[in-house]
């Protein structure tokens, strides 16, 4: 009798377990595997185990990617792609100009364009009145920097023995990568008295801009690769570069020991004015729209700030004390608009080899 009783109990437990599993399985989202193109600066987030695990747990979602520059990714055959994740709204404009259609697009993260340099360079630029320090944050007078670049002065003219050649800001290729594209727009505006460049003004500025970009020479197509080269090769090869604020913030978290060794010599500089880089998710089919929901989840937004340095609405990303980075601005307020898509297209084609 006892055996029958316990047998019945076990049977009921098994049945209850089956029903519970069936119920929970029915509540779990259908598995979704997305394939897309991703700006290199966001690879750290997409490879973060916390990010992957959370998307799988909450959305039953896997997001595969191939690295591509913001402007490269929106062109050509997109048949095999479910989503695109560039770093610029101008990339969305190009996407539309190419005749492509999205089911939905939304801004997910923001990060300002900044300059990175080394202490000897910053000291020299401060003596020239190009860089100033306020409450521990270093700012660049973009109009004055543009005039210095146009002056054809060399780093040696500023009393520096390390870097050689003309005073320039190294950037990524503006035809392929968003950070380079945005710096081109920022530089053009600075040469125009910090006023947004129109097409008529762009035509007048183009010869000078073309000469600058010919002097820069080879340009990386990935902001991630550019930042890595800046850190690896140092001041002699890359005296000053344009990039994203998020890159240094992420690096300080991912490589804390290395960052501690170099942080006293490494400076983040905020152009005045600067521009925001808006990281935009583009879903190419209905299935990929779950990516927007997942990326805008408060937990993901918080992770994007705390471990990868993206300023988000949800994550309280004005708390610069989260990072042990000298010169990190609590707020970025001096912002100007980029030139229109048509003007930028004209400038990019004009400065390209």
Foldseek 3Di string as FASTA:
>chain_A
DVVVVVVVVVVVVVVVVVVVVVVVVVVAADADEFEAEEAPLCVVLLPPPVLQVVCCVRHNYHYHYDYWALQVRLDDDCPRHFKYKYFAPLSVVVNVVNVADFPDKDFQFKWWKWKKAWDVLQVLCVVVVQWDDDPQAIAGALLVLLVQQLVQDWVVVSVDDAATGGDAAAEAQLNIHPQRLQVLLQNLCSPVVVHGDDQVSLVVCLVSLLVRLVRNPDHHNHLLVVVVCCVPVHCHVGRMYIHTPLNVQLCCQVPVVVCVVCQVTMHIYQYQQIAMGTTMMTGRDPSCVVVVVSSNPLVNSLCCCLNRNTDDPNNQNLPPVSGPHGNDHSDRDRHDDGHDSVSSVVNSVSNDD
